[in-house]
N, C-alpha and C. Protein backbone atom coordinates (compact mmCIF):
# COMPACT_ATOMS: atom_id res chain seq x y z
N UNK A 1 -98.34 -138.98 83.87
CA UNK A 1 -97.82 -139.82 82.76
C UNK A 1 -96.51 -140.58 83.19
N UNK A 2 -95.60 -139.86 83.80
CA UNK A 2 -94.31 -140.41 84.19
C UNK A 2 -94.56 -141.45 85.30
N UNK A 3 -95.47 -141.20 86.24
CA UNK A 3 -95.73 -142.12 87.29
C UNK A 3 -96.37 -143.41 86.76
N UNK A 4 -97.23 -143.26 85.78
CA UNK A 4 -97.85 -144.39 85.17
C UNK A 4 -96.77 -145.26 84.42
N UNK A 5 -95.81 -144.69 83.78
CA UNK A 5 -94.78 -145.41 83.09
C UNK A 5 -93.91 -146.12 84.16
N UNK A 6 -93.54 -145.47 85.22
CA UNK A 6 -92.77 -146.08 86.28
C UNK A 6 -93.52 -147.31 86.90
N UNK A 7 -94.79 -147.09 87.19
CA UNK A 7 -95.57 -148.16 87.75
C UNK A 7 -95.69 -149.34 86.85
N UNK A 8 -95.79 -149.02 85.55
CA UNK A 8 -95.88 -150.13 84.51
C UNK A 8 -94.55 -150.93 84.47
N UNK A 9 -93.45 -150.13 84.40
CA UNK A 9 -92.15 -150.77 84.36
C UNK A 9 -91.91 -151.59 85.69
N UNK A 10 -92.35 -151.05 86.80
CA UNK A 10 -92.16 -151.81 88.07
C UNK A 10 -92.92 -153.11 88.03
N UNK A 11 -94.18 -153.07 87.49
CA UNK A 11 -94.95 -154.27 87.41
C UNK A 11 -94.33 -155.36 86.52
N UNK A 12 -93.80 -154.90 85.38
CA UNK A 12 -93.11 -155.79 84.40
C UNK A 12 -91.81 -156.38 85.10
N UNK A 13 -91.10 -155.62 85.73
CA UNK A 13 -89.97 -156.02 86.47
C UNK A 13 -90.18 -156.98 87.48
N UNK A 14 -91.19 -156.82 88.38
CA UNK A 14 -91.63 -157.68 89.43
C UNK A 14 -92.05 -159.07 88.84
N UNK A 15 -92.79 -159.05 87.73
CA UNK A 15 -93.26 -160.23 87.04
C UNK A 15 -92.04 -161.04 86.51
N UNK A 16 -91.07 -160.36 85.91
CA UNK A 16 -89.83 -160.90 85.52
C UNK A 16 -89.09 -161.70 86.67
N UNK A 17 -89.00 -160.91 87.80
CA UNK A 17 -88.30 -161.51 88.99
C UNK A 17 -89.09 -162.75 89.48
N UNK A 18 -90.43 -162.71 89.40
CA UNK A 18 -91.18 -163.87 89.85
C UNK A 18 -90.96 -165.06 88.94
N UNK A 19 -90.97 -164.78 87.64
CA UNK A 19 -90.70 -165.87 86.67
C UNK A 19 -89.34 -166.51 87.00
N UNK A 20 -88.39 -165.59 87.14
CA UNK A 20 -87.02 -166.14 87.35
C UNK A 20 -86.93 -166.96 88.71
N UNK A 21 -87.60 -166.52 89.74
CA UNK A 21 -87.44 -167.19 91.02
C UNK A 21 -88.35 -168.46 91.07
N UNK A 22 -89.54 -168.44 90.49
CA UNK A 22 -90.39 -169.49 90.57
C UNK A 22 -90.11 -170.64 89.50
N UNK A 23 -89.68 -170.18 88.34
CA UNK A 23 -89.60 -171.17 87.20
C UNK A 23 -88.13 -171.30 86.65
N UNK A 24 -87.26 -170.39 87.03
CA UNK A 24 -85.90 -170.49 86.51
C UNK A 24 -84.82 -170.26 87.69
N UNK A 25 -85.20 -170.77 88.78
CA UNK A 25 -84.37 -170.48 89.94
C UNK A 25 -82.93 -170.99 89.72
N UNK A 26 -82.77 -172.36 89.29
CA UNK A 26 -81.50 -172.97 89.06
C UNK A 26 -80.81 -172.29 87.85
N UNK A 27 -81.53 -172.01 86.81
CA UNK A 27 -80.92 -171.36 85.64
C UNK A 27 -80.47 -169.88 85.82
N UNK A 28 -80.92 -169.24 86.90
CA UNK A 28 -80.54 -167.89 87.25
C UNK A 28 -79.72 -167.78 88.49
N UNK A 29 -79.46 -168.93 89.17
CA UNK A 29 -78.63 -168.93 90.37
C UNK A 29 -79.23 -168.04 91.46
N UNK A 30 -80.56 -167.95 91.48
CA UNK A 30 -81.18 -167.06 92.55
C UNK A 30 -81.20 -167.80 93.88
N UNK A 31 -80.92 -167.05 94.90
CA UNK A 31 -80.97 -167.68 96.28
C UNK A 31 -82.06 -167.13 97.05
N UNK A 32 -82.46 -165.87 96.84
CA UNK A 32 -83.56 -165.31 97.66
C UNK A 32 -84.19 -164.20 96.99
N UNK A 33 -85.52 -164.02 97.16
CA UNK A 33 -86.22 -162.98 96.53
C UNK A 33 -87.09 -162.32 97.64
N UNK A 34 -86.90 -160.93 97.80
CA UNK A 34 -87.62 -160.21 98.82
C UNK A 34 -88.30 -159.01 98.18
N UNK A 35 -89.58 -159.09 97.94
CA UNK A 35 -90.25 -157.98 97.23
C UNK A 35 -91.22 -157.14 98.00
N UNK A 36 -91.59 -157.55 99.22
CA UNK A 36 -92.54 -156.80 99.99
C UNK A 36 -92.01 -156.40 101.34
N UNK A 37 -92.61 -155.41 101.95
CA UNK A 37 -92.17 -155.00 103.26
C UNK A 37 -92.44 -156.08 104.23
N UNK A 38 -91.46 -156.24 105.14
CA UNK A 38 -91.51 -157.18 106.18
C UNK A 38 -91.03 -156.60 107.54
N UNK A 39 -90.92 -157.34 108.55
CA UNK A 39 -90.47 -156.83 109.88
C UNK A 39 -89.54 -157.94 110.50
N UNK A 40 -89.07 -158.91 109.79
CA UNK A 40 -88.31 -159.98 110.48
C UNK A 40 -86.89 -159.82 110.32
N UNK A 41 -86.28 -158.97 109.52
CA UNK A 41 -84.86 -158.77 109.50
C UNK A 41 -84.40 -157.90 110.68
N UNK A 42 -83.27 -158.38 111.35
CA UNK A 42 -82.81 -157.71 112.53
C UNK A 42 -81.65 -156.76 112.25
N UNK A 43 -81.02 -156.92 111.17
CA UNK A 43 -79.80 -156.15 110.88
C UNK A 43 -79.85 -155.45 109.46
N UNK A 44 -79.22 -154.31 109.26
CA UNK A 44 -79.30 -153.71 107.93
C UNK A 44 -78.46 -154.49 106.95
N UNK A 45 -78.76 -154.30 105.69
CA UNK A 45 -77.93 -154.79 104.55
C UNK A 45 -76.81 -153.78 104.37
N UNK A 46 -75.58 -154.16 104.28
CA UNK A 46 -74.50 -153.29 104.04
C UNK A 46 -73.90 -153.74 102.68
N UNK A 47 -73.91 -152.76 101.78
CA UNK A 47 -73.44 -153.06 100.42
C UNK A 47 -72.46 -152.06 99.97
N UNK A 48 -71.52 -152.55 99.05
CA UNK A 48 -70.50 -151.68 98.43
C UNK A 48 -70.72 -151.68 97.00
N UNK A 49 -70.61 -150.52 96.35
CA UNK A 49 -70.68 -150.44 94.91
C UNK A 49 -69.29 -150.56 94.32
N UNK A 50 -69.19 -150.44 93.01
CA UNK A 50 -67.97 -150.68 92.26
C UNK A 50 -66.89 -149.74 92.69
N UNK A 51 -67.15 -148.52 93.08
CA UNK A 51 -66.16 -147.54 93.41
C UNK A 51 -65.88 -147.50 94.93
N UNK A 52 -66.50 -148.54 95.69
CA UNK A 52 -66.13 -148.57 97.11
C UNK A 52 -67.12 -147.86 98.12
N UNK A 53 -68.14 -147.22 97.56
CA UNK A 53 -68.98 -146.49 98.48
C UNK A 53 -69.78 -147.54 99.24
N UNK A 54 -70.09 -147.25 100.50
CA UNK A 54 -70.84 -148.13 101.34
C UNK A 54 -72.31 -147.58 101.53
N UNK A 55 -73.24 -148.55 101.46
CA UNK A 55 -74.67 -148.18 101.63
C UNK A 55 -75.26 -149.11 102.79
N UNK A 56 -76.08 -148.55 103.63
CA UNK A 56 -76.82 -149.29 104.57
C UNK A 56 -78.26 -149.22 104.28
N UNK A 57 -78.89 -150.41 104.11
CA UNK A 57 -80.33 -150.37 103.75
C UNK A 57 -81.07 -151.22 104.76
N UNK A 58 -82.34 -150.77 104.98
CA UNK A 58 -83.21 -151.62 105.89
C UNK A 58 -83.86 -152.68 104.95
N UNK A 59 -83.51 -153.94 105.16
CA UNK A 59 -84.02 -155.03 104.32
C UNK A 59 -85.51 -155.20 104.43
N UNK A 60 -86.05 -154.81 105.59
CA UNK A 60 -87.55 -154.85 105.75
C UNK A 60 -88.24 -153.91 104.90
N UNK A 61 -87.61 -152.84 104.48
CA UNK A 61 -88.25 -151.80 103.70
C UNK A 61 -87.75 -151.81 102.27
N UNK A 62 -86.89 -152.67 101.91
CA UNK A 62 -86.24 -152.71 100.63
C UNK A 62 -86.45 -153.97 99.87
N UNK A 63 -86.84 -153.88 98.55
CA UNK A 63 -86.96 -155.05 97.73
C UNK A 63 -85.49 -155.28 97.31
N UNK A 64 -85.19 -156.71 97.33
CA UNK A 64 -83.84 -157.12 96.85
C UNK A 64 -83.89 -158.54 96.44
N UNK A 65 -82.88 -158.93 95.71
CA UNK A 65 -82.70 -160.29 95.20
C UNK A 65 -81.31 -160.65 95.54
N UNK A 66 -81.10 -161.88 96.00
CA UNK A 66 -79.73 -162.44 96.17
C UNK A 66 -79.47 -163.47 95.07
N UNK A 67 -78.35 -163.32 94.40
CA UNK A 67 -77.97 -164.20 93.26
C UNK A 67 -76.46 -164.56 93.45
N UNK A 68 -76.16 -165.82 93.16
CA UNK A 68 -74.80 -166.15 93.18
C UNK A 68 -74.05 -165.42 92.09
N UNK A 69 -72.86 -164.98 92.40
CA UNK A 69 -72.05 -164.39 91.37
C UNK A 69 -71.31 -165.40 90.51
N UNK A 70 -71.39 -165.28 89.27
CA UNK A 70 -70.73 -166.15 88.33
C UNK A 70 -69.92 -165.45 87.28
N UNK A 71 -68.88 -165.99 86.85
CA UNK A 71 -68.00 -165.35 85.78
C UNK A 71 -68.74 -165.20 84.48
N UNK A 72 -68.50 -164.22 83.77
CA UNK A 72 -69.23 -163.94 82.47
C UNK A 72 -68.91 -164.99 81.51
N UNK A 73 -69.91 -165.60 80.88
CA UNK A 73 -69.76 -166.73 80.04
C UNK A 73 -68.97 -166.46 78.78
N UNK A 74 -69.28 -165.36 78.05
CA UNK A 74 -68.62 -165.18 76.73
C UNK A 74 -67.14 -164.73 76.96
N UNK A 75 -66.82 -164.10 78.11
CA UNK A 75 -65.38 -163.91 78.40
C UNK A 75 -64.66 -165.22 78.66
N UNK A 76 -65.24 -166.15 79.35
CA UNK A 76 -64.64 -167.44 79.54
C UNK A 76 -64.48 -168.18 78.15
N UNK A 77 -65.53 -168.03 77.29
CA UNK A 77 -65.47 -168.73 75.95
C UNK A 77 -64.24 -168.11 75.20
N UNK A 78 -64.16 -166.80 75.14
CA UNK A 78 -63.00 -166.20 74.41
C UNK A 78 -61.67 -166.62 75.02
N UNK A 79 -61.63 -166.69 76.36
CA UNK A 79 -60.36 -167.08 76.94
C UNK A 79 -60.02 -168.46 76.54
N UNK A 80 -61.00 -169.38 76.42
CA UNK A 80 -60.71 -170.77 75.99
C UNK A 80 -60.22 -170.77 74.56
N UNK A 81 -60.91 -170.03 73.68
CA UNK A 81 -60.49 -169.98 72.33
C UNK A 81 -59.07 -169.44 72.17
N UNK A 82 -58.74 -168.37 72.87
CA UNK A 82 -57.37 -167.78 72.81
C UNK A 82 -56.31 -168.78 73.30
N UNK A 83 -56.67 -169.59 74.31
CA UNK A 83 -55.81 -170.65 74.82
C UNK A 83 -55.73 -171.86 73.93
N UNK A 84 -56.46 -171.93 72.87
CA UNK A 84 -56.55 -173.04 72.00
C UNK A 84 -57.35 -174.27 72.48
N UNK A 85 -58.12 -174.02 73.45
CA UNK A 85 -58.93 -175.05 74.14
C UNK A 85 -60.33 -175.01 73.49
N UNK A 86 -60.43 -175.58 72.27
CA UNK A 86 -61.73 -175.58 71.44
C UNK A 86 -62.72 -176.50 72.14
N UNK A 87 -62.26 -177.61 72.73
CA UNK A 87 -63.32 -178.47 73.48
C UNK A 87 -63.86 -177.71 74.67
N UNK A 88 -63.03 -176.98 75.41
CA UNK A 88 -63.57 -176.16 76.54
C UNK A 88 -64.51 -175.09 76.06
N UNK A 89 -64.18 -174.47 74.93
CA UNK A 89 -65.11 -173.41 74.40
C UNK A 89 -66.38 -174.05 73.91
N UNK A 90 -66.47 -175.24 73.34
CA UNK A 90 -67.59 -175.90 73.04
C UNK A 90 -68.46 -176.24 74.28
N UNK A 91 -67.78 -176.65 75.27
CA UNK A 91 -68.53 -176.91 76.57
C UNK A 91 -69.27 -175.68 76.98
N UNK A 92 -68.71 -174.48 76.88
CA UNK A 92 -69.34 -173.27 77.32
C UNK A 92 -70.52 -173.01 76.42
N UNK A 93 -70.35 -173.18 75.07
CA UNK A 93 -71.56 -172.94 74.16
C UNK A 93 -72.65 -174.00 74.51
N UNK A 94 -72.31 -175.22 74.79
CA UNK A 94 -73.36 -176.18 75.23
C UNK A 94 -74.10 -175.74 76.46
N UNK A 95 -73.36 -175.17 77.42
CA UNK A 95 -73.98 -174.69 78.63
C UNK A 95 -74.92 -173.45 78.32
N UNK A 96 -74.53 -172.64 77.39
CA UNK A 96 -75.37 -171.53 77.01
C UNK A 96 -76.63 -172.05 76.33
N UNK A 97 -76.47 -173.13 75.42
CA UNK A 97 -77.65 -173.60 74.76
C UNK A 97 -78.56 -174.28 75.77
N UNK A 98 -78.00 -174.99 76.77
CA UNK A 98 -78.78 -175.67 77.72
C UNK A 98 -79.71 -174.73 78.51
N UNK A 99 -79.11 -173.63 78.95
CA UNK A 99 -79.83 -172.64 79.79
C UNK A 99 -80.83 -171.93 78.92
N UNK A 100 -80.59 -171.63 77.65
CA UNK A 100 -81.54 -171.01 76.81
C UNK A 100 -82.65 -171.93 76.47
N UNK A 101 -82.32 -173.18 76.17
CA UNK A 101 -83.27 -174.25 75.89
C UNK A 101 -84.27 -174.47 77.09
N UNK A 102 -83.81 -174.52 78.28
CA UNK A 102 -84.70 -174.67 79.43
C UNK A 102 -85.71 -173.51 79.52
N UNK A 103 -85.15 -172.23 79.38
CA UNK A 103 -86.05 -171.07 79.48
C UNK A 103 -87.02 -171.09 78.29
N UNK A 104 -86.61 -171.42 77.13
CA UNK A 104 -87.47 -171.45 75.99
C UNK A 104 -88.55 -172.46 76.04
N UNK A 105 -88.20 -173.72 76.73
CA UNK A 105 -89.19 -174.72 76.82
C UNK A 105 -90.27 -174.36 77.80
N UNK A 106 -90.05 -173.40 78.60
CA UNK A 106 -91.01 -172.89 79.52
C UNK A 106 -91.84 -171.68 78.89
N UNK A 107 -91.59 -171.45 77.63
CA UNK A 107 -92.29 -170.35 76.91
C UNK A 107 -91.90 -168.93 77.42
N UNK A 108 -90.73 -168.78 78.06
CA UNK A 108 -90.33 -167.55 78.63
C UNK A 108 -89.35 -166.83 77.65
N UNK A 109 -89.63 -165.60 77.36
CA UNK A 109 -88.81 -164.70 76.48
C UNK A 109 -87.94 -163.85 77.30
N UNK A 110 -86.94 -163.34 76.69
CA UNK A 110 -86.00 -162.31 77.37
C UNK A 110 -85.93 -161.13 76.42
N UNK A 111 -86.30 -159.98 76.94
CA UNK A 111 -86.25 -158.71 76.06
C UNK A 111 -84.85 -158.17 75.82
N UNK A 112 -83.90 -158.56 76.71
CA UNK A 112 -82.51 -158.03 76.63
C UNK A 112 -81.63 -159.07 75.91
N UNK A 113 -81.29 -158.67 74.68
CA UNK A 113 -80.60 -159.64 73.83
C UNK A 113 -79.06 -159.74 74.11
N UNK A 114 -78.53 -159.00 75.02
CA UNK A 114 -77.03 -158.92 75.22
C UNK A 114 -76.58 -160.27 76.02
N UNK A 115 -76.08 -161.08 75.20
CA UNK A 115 -75.54 -162.45 75.67
C UNK A 115 -74.10 -162.19 76.13
N UNK A 116 -73.43 -161.08 75.77
CA UNK A 116 -72.06 -160.84 76.12
C UNK A 116 -71.92 -160.64 77.63
N UNK A 117 -72.97 -160.06 78.21
CA UNK A 117 -72.84 -159.72 79.65
C UNK A 117 -73.98 -160.33 80.52
N UNK A 118 -74.95 -161.00 79.90
CA UNK A 118 -76.10 -161.48 80.61
C UNK A 118 -76.13 -162.95 80.94
N UNK A 119 -75.03 -163.66 80.59
CA UNK A 119 -74.96 -165.02 80.89
C UNK A 119 -73.63 -165.29 81.65
N UNK A 120 -73.72 -166.16 82.67
CA UNK A 120 -72.52 -166.56 83.38
C UNK A 120 -72.26 -168.04 83.06
N UNK A 121 -71.13 -168.47 83.55
CA UNK A 121 -70.76 -169.82 83.36
C UNK A 121 -69.85 -170.24 84.51
N UNK A 122 -70.17 -171.39 85.11
CA UNK A 122 -69.44 -171.87 86.24
C UNK A 122 -69.55 -173.35 86.37
N UNK A 123 -68.49 -174.09 86.52
CA UNK A 123 -68.48 -175.53 86.72
C UNK A 123 -69.33 -176.24 85.60
N UNK A 124 -69.18 -175.85 84.41
CA UNK A 124 -69.93 -176.59 83.31
C UNK A 124 -71.43 -176.21 83.18
N UNK A 125 -71.91 -175.21 83.88
CA UNK A 125 -73.28 -174.82 83.84
C UNK A 125 -73.43 -173.44 83.44
N UNK A 126 -74.42 -173.15 82.58
CA UNK A 126 -74.80 -171.82 82.16
C UNK A 126 -75.77 -171.25 83.06
N UNK A 127 -75.60 -169.87 83.32
CA UNK A 127 -76.59 -169.16 84.22
C UNK A 127 -76.94 -167.82 83.48
N UNK A 128 -78.32 -167.58 83.47
CA UNK A 128 -78.76 -166.28 83.06
C UNK A 128 -78.63 -165.27 84.18
N UNK A 129 -77.75 -164.40 84.01
CA UNK A 129 -77.54 -163.32 85.14
C UNK A 129 -78.48 -162.26 85.23
N UNK A 130 -78.82 -161.68 84.09
CA UNK A 130 -79.83 -160.57 84.07
C UNK A 130 -81.20 -161.18 84.14
N UNK A 131 -81.99 -160.85 85.15
CA UNK A 131 -83.30 -161.52 85.30
C UNK A 131 -84.39 -160.41 85.19
N UNK A 132 -84.14 -159.24 84.74
CA UNK A 132 -85.09 -158.20 84.67
C UNK A 132 -85.86 -158.04 83.44
N UNK A 133 -85.74 -158.99 82.53
CA UNK A 133 -86.42 -158.82 81.23
C UNK A 133 -87.25 -160.09 80.80
N UNK A 134 -87.57 -160.94 81.67
CA UNK A 134 -88.31 -162.18 81.35
C UNK A 134 -89.83 -161.75 81.12
N UNK A 135 -90.42 -162.45 80.14
CA UNK A 135 -91.90 -162.26 79.97
C UNK A 135 -92.41 -163.48 79.12
N UNK A 136 -93.70 -163.55 79.12
CA UNK A 136 -94.38 -164.57 78.29
C UNK A 136 -95.35 -163.79 77.32
N UNK A 137 -95.65 -164.46 76.17
CA UNK A 137 -96.63 -164.04 75.25
C UNK A 137 -97.80 -164.96 75.37
N UNK A 138 -98.85 -164.56 76.05
CA UNK A 138 -99.92 -165.48 76.38
C UNK A 138 -100.70 -165.97 75.23
N UNK A 139 -100.62 -165.24 74.10
CA UNK A 139 -101.44 -165.51 72.85
C UNK A 139 -100.74 -166.48 71.97
N UNK A 140 -99.63 -167.08 72.43
CA UNK A 140 -98.90 -168.12 71.58
C UNK A 140 -99.07 -169.46 72.14
N UNK A 141 -99.01 -170.38 71.14
CA UNK A 141 -99.00 -171.76 71.49
C UNK A 141 -97.63 -172.12 72.17
N UNK A 142 -97.55 -173.20 72.93
CA UNK A 142 -96.44 -173.67 73.55
C UNK A 142 -95.23 -173.82 72.57
N UNK A 143 -95.54 -174.49 71.43
CA UNK A 143 -94.48 -174.72 70.40
C UNK A 143 -93.96 -173.45 69.84
N UNK A 144 -94.90 -172.53 69.45
CA UNK A 144 -94.44 -171.28 68.89
C UNK A 144 -93.61 -170.42 69.84
N UNK A 145 -94.04 -170.36 71.12
CA UNK A 145 -93.31 -169.60 72.08
C UNK A 145 -91.85 -170.20 72.38
N UNK A 146 -91.83 -171.51 72.47
CA UNK A 146 -90.50 -172.17 72.61
C UNK A 146 -89.62 -171.88 71.46
N UNK A 147 -90.10 -172.03 70.29
CA UNK A 147 -89.23 -171.84 69.11
C UNK A 147 -88.79 -170.39 68.91
N UNK A 148 -89.71 -169.40 69.11
CA UNK A 148 -89.42 -168.03 68.94
C UNK A 148 -88.46 -167.52 70.04
N UNK A 149 -88.69 -167.94 71.24
CA UNK A 149 -87.84 -167.52 72.36
C UNK A 149 -86.38 -168.04 72.12
N UNK A 150 -86.26 -169.30 71.71
CA UNK A 150 -84.92 -169.86 71.48
C UNK A 150 -84.18 -169.19 70.34
N UNK A 151 -84.94 -168.93 69.20
CA UNK A 151 -84.46 -168.30 68.05
C UNK A 151 -83.92 -166.94 68.29
N UNK A 152 -84.80 -166.16 69.02
CA UNK A 152 -84.38 -164.78 69.30
C UNK A 152 -83.12 -164.70 70.06
N UNK A 153 -82.90 -165.59 71.02
CA UNK A 153 -81.73 -165.56 71.85
C UNK A 153 -80.49 -166.04 71.08
N UNK A 154 -80.60 -167.17 70.40
CA UNK A 154 -79.42 -167.74 69.73
C UNK A 154 -79.04 -166.91 68.48
N UNK A 155 -79.98 -166.12 67.88
CA UNK A 155 -79.66 -165.34 66.72
C UNK A 155 -78.50 -164.36 67.00
N UNK A 156 -78.44 -163.79 68.16
CA UNK A 156 -77.40 -162.83 68.47
C UNK A 156 -76.03 -163.55 68.66
N UNK A 157 -76.08 -164.75 69.28
CA UNK A 157 -74.84 -165.52 69.36
C UNK A 157 -74.38 -165.94 68.03
N UNK A 158 -75.24 -166.42 67.17
CA UNK A 158 -74.89 -166.85 65.76
C UNK A 158 -74.15 -165.68 65.04
N UNK A 159 -74.73 -164.45 65.10
CA UNK A 159 -74.09 -163.32 64.46
C UNK A 159 -72.75 -163.09 64.95
N UNK A 160 -72.64 -163.13 66.30
CA UNK A 160 -71.30 -162.89 66.88
C UNK A 160 -70.30 -163.88 66.52
N UNK A 161 -70.72 -165.23 66.59
CA UNK A 161 -69.83 -166.32 66.23
C UNK A 161 -69.39 -166.22 64.75
N UNK A 162 -70.25 -165.66 63.84
CA UNK A 162 -69.82 -165.56 62.49
C UNK A 162 -68.65 -164.62 62.33
N UNK A 163 -68.45 -163.69 63.21
CA UNK A 163 -67.41 -162.79 63.17
C UNK A 163 -66.24 -163.30 64.00
N UNK A 164 -66.45 -164.07 65.02
CA UNK A 164 -65.39 -164.47 65.91
C UNK A 164 -64.79 -165.84 65.47
N UNK A 165 -65.50 -166.79 65.10
CA UNK A 165 -65.06 -168.14 64.73
C UNK A 165 -66.10 -168.91 63.94
N UNK A 166 -65.79 -168.97 62.65
CA UNK A 166 -66.81 -169.71 61.78
C UNK A 166 -66.88 -171.04 62.05
N UNK A 167 -65.85 -171.78 62.39
CA UNK A 167 -65.83 -173.16 62.71
C UNK A 167 -66.71 -173.44 63.90
N UNK A 168 -66.56 -172.58 64.91
CA UNK A 168 -67.39 -172.81 66.12
C UNK A 168 -68.85 -172.50 65.75
N UNK A 169 -69.11 -171.57 64.85
CA UNK A 169 -70.52 -171.26 64.32
C UNK A 169 -71.08 -172.53 63.81
N UNK A 170 -70.32 -173.32 62.98
CA UNK A 170 -70.85 -174.58 62.42
C UNK A 170 -71.23 -175.48 63.50
N UNK A 171 -70.35 -175.63 64.54
CA UNK A 171 -70.68 -176.55 65.65
C UNK A 171 -71.86 -176.02 66.42
N UNK A 172 -71.96 -174.79 66.60
CA UNK A 172 -73.13 -174.16 67.27
C UNK A 172 -74.42 -174.51 66.55
N UNK A 173 -74.43 -174.25 65.24
CA UNK A 173 -75.59 -174.56 64.35
C UNK A 173 -76.00 -176.03 64.46
N UNK A 174 -75.03 -176.98 64.42
CA UNK A 174 -75.36 -178.44 64.53
C UNK A 174 -75.98 -178.68 65.93
N UNK A 175 -75.54 -178.05 66.95
CA UNK A 175 -76.12 -178.30 68.26
C UNK A 175 -77.54 -177.75 68.36
N UNK A 176 -77.72 -176.58 67.80
CA UNK A 176 -79.08 -175.96 67.87
C UNK A 176 -80.02 -176.79 67.04
N UNK A 177 -79.63 -177.35 66.01
CA UNK A 177 -80.51 -178.28 65.16
C UNK A 177 -80.82 -179.50 65.93
N UNK A 178 -79.87 -180.04 66.63
CA UNK A 178 -80.14 -181.28 67.43
C UNK A 178 -81.19 -180.97 68.53
N UNK A 179 -81.08 -179.78 69.13
CA UNK A 179 -82.04 -179.33 70.23
C UNK A 179 -83.44 -179.34 69.58
N UNK A 180 -83.53 -178.59 68.46
CA UNK A 180 -84.85 -178.40 67.81
C UNK A 180 -85.40 -179.79 67.33
N UNK A 181 -84.55 -180.67 66.84
CA UNK A 181 -84.98 -181.96 66.39
C UNK A 181 -85.56 -182.75 67.61
N UNK A 182 -84.92 -182.69 68.72
CA UNK A 182 -85.42 -183.36 69.96
C UNK A 182 -86.68 -182.84 70.35
N UNK A 183 -86.90 -181.56 70.20
CA UNK A 183 -88.26 -180.95 70.53
C UNK A 183 -89.30 -181.52 69.57
N UNK A 184 -89.05 -181.53 68.27
CA UNK A 184 -89.93 -182.00 67.24
C UNK A 184 -90.31 -183.47 67.53
N UNK A 185 -89.30 -184.24 67.84
CA UNK A 185 -89.61 -185.66 68.19
C UNK A 185 -90.47 -185.91 69.48
N UNK A 186 -90.31 -184.98 70.46
CA UNK A 186 -91.07 -185.09 71.61
C UNK A 186 -92.44 -184.60 71.46
N UNK A 187 -92.68 -183.68 70.45
CA UNK A 187 -94.02 -183.13 70.14
C UNK A 187 -94.90 -184.16 69.35
N UNK A 188 -94.28 -185.12 68.83
CA UNK A 188 -95.13 -186.11 67.96
C UNK A 188 -95.88 -186.96 68.87
N UNK A 189 -96.99 -187.35 68.33
CA UNK A 189 -97.81 -188.39 69.07
C UNK A 189 -98.04 -189.40 67.96
N UNK A 190 -97.92 -190.64 68.45
CA UNK A 190 -98.11 -191.83 67.48
C UNK A 190 -99.33 -192.60 67.91
N UNK A 191 -100.10 -193.02 66.84
CA UNK A 191 -101.25 -193.90 67.17
C UNK A 191 -100.83 -195.24 67.78
N UNK A 192 -101.58 -195.71 68.70
CA UNK A 192 -101.33 -197.07 69.36
C UNK A 192 -101.73 -198.13 68.48
């Protein structure tokens, strides 16, 4: 039973990594994906954890992902607000909405709702850092998947903004409505 659960979780995780690398590479800042045993690496991977312990791994025998490190988005947002830089804070929210919009338009959901630690921001661009929870719902239409994926992600940010900054929440809501309106306009077909 435990082995079955582990294998199921591993399959879900590998599918999430595949979605991230093949369909959201730029939005996740992924550089390299290595999931299968190989024999072409000549040197071990040397890694340090947060407390300074060193690990040597054989990359030929180890699954790994290389991702660019980015500053946490919402920490940057809060720093901008505290500094009185409302325009800068809005730019960060725009970057968040951009990355969520791209993912949603591909019908990809994210099981992990934590936006406080799962999104990065760098040089005006939003990045989804945590890539282990992506999935699709194959029984949904494109429009339904896009809308639900988007709504599920922004709902958490809306709730947080309602406690942090109501004026910024109003701006956020306006921007989300513009995104949804652009989707609706692009979904329309007009007779010739």
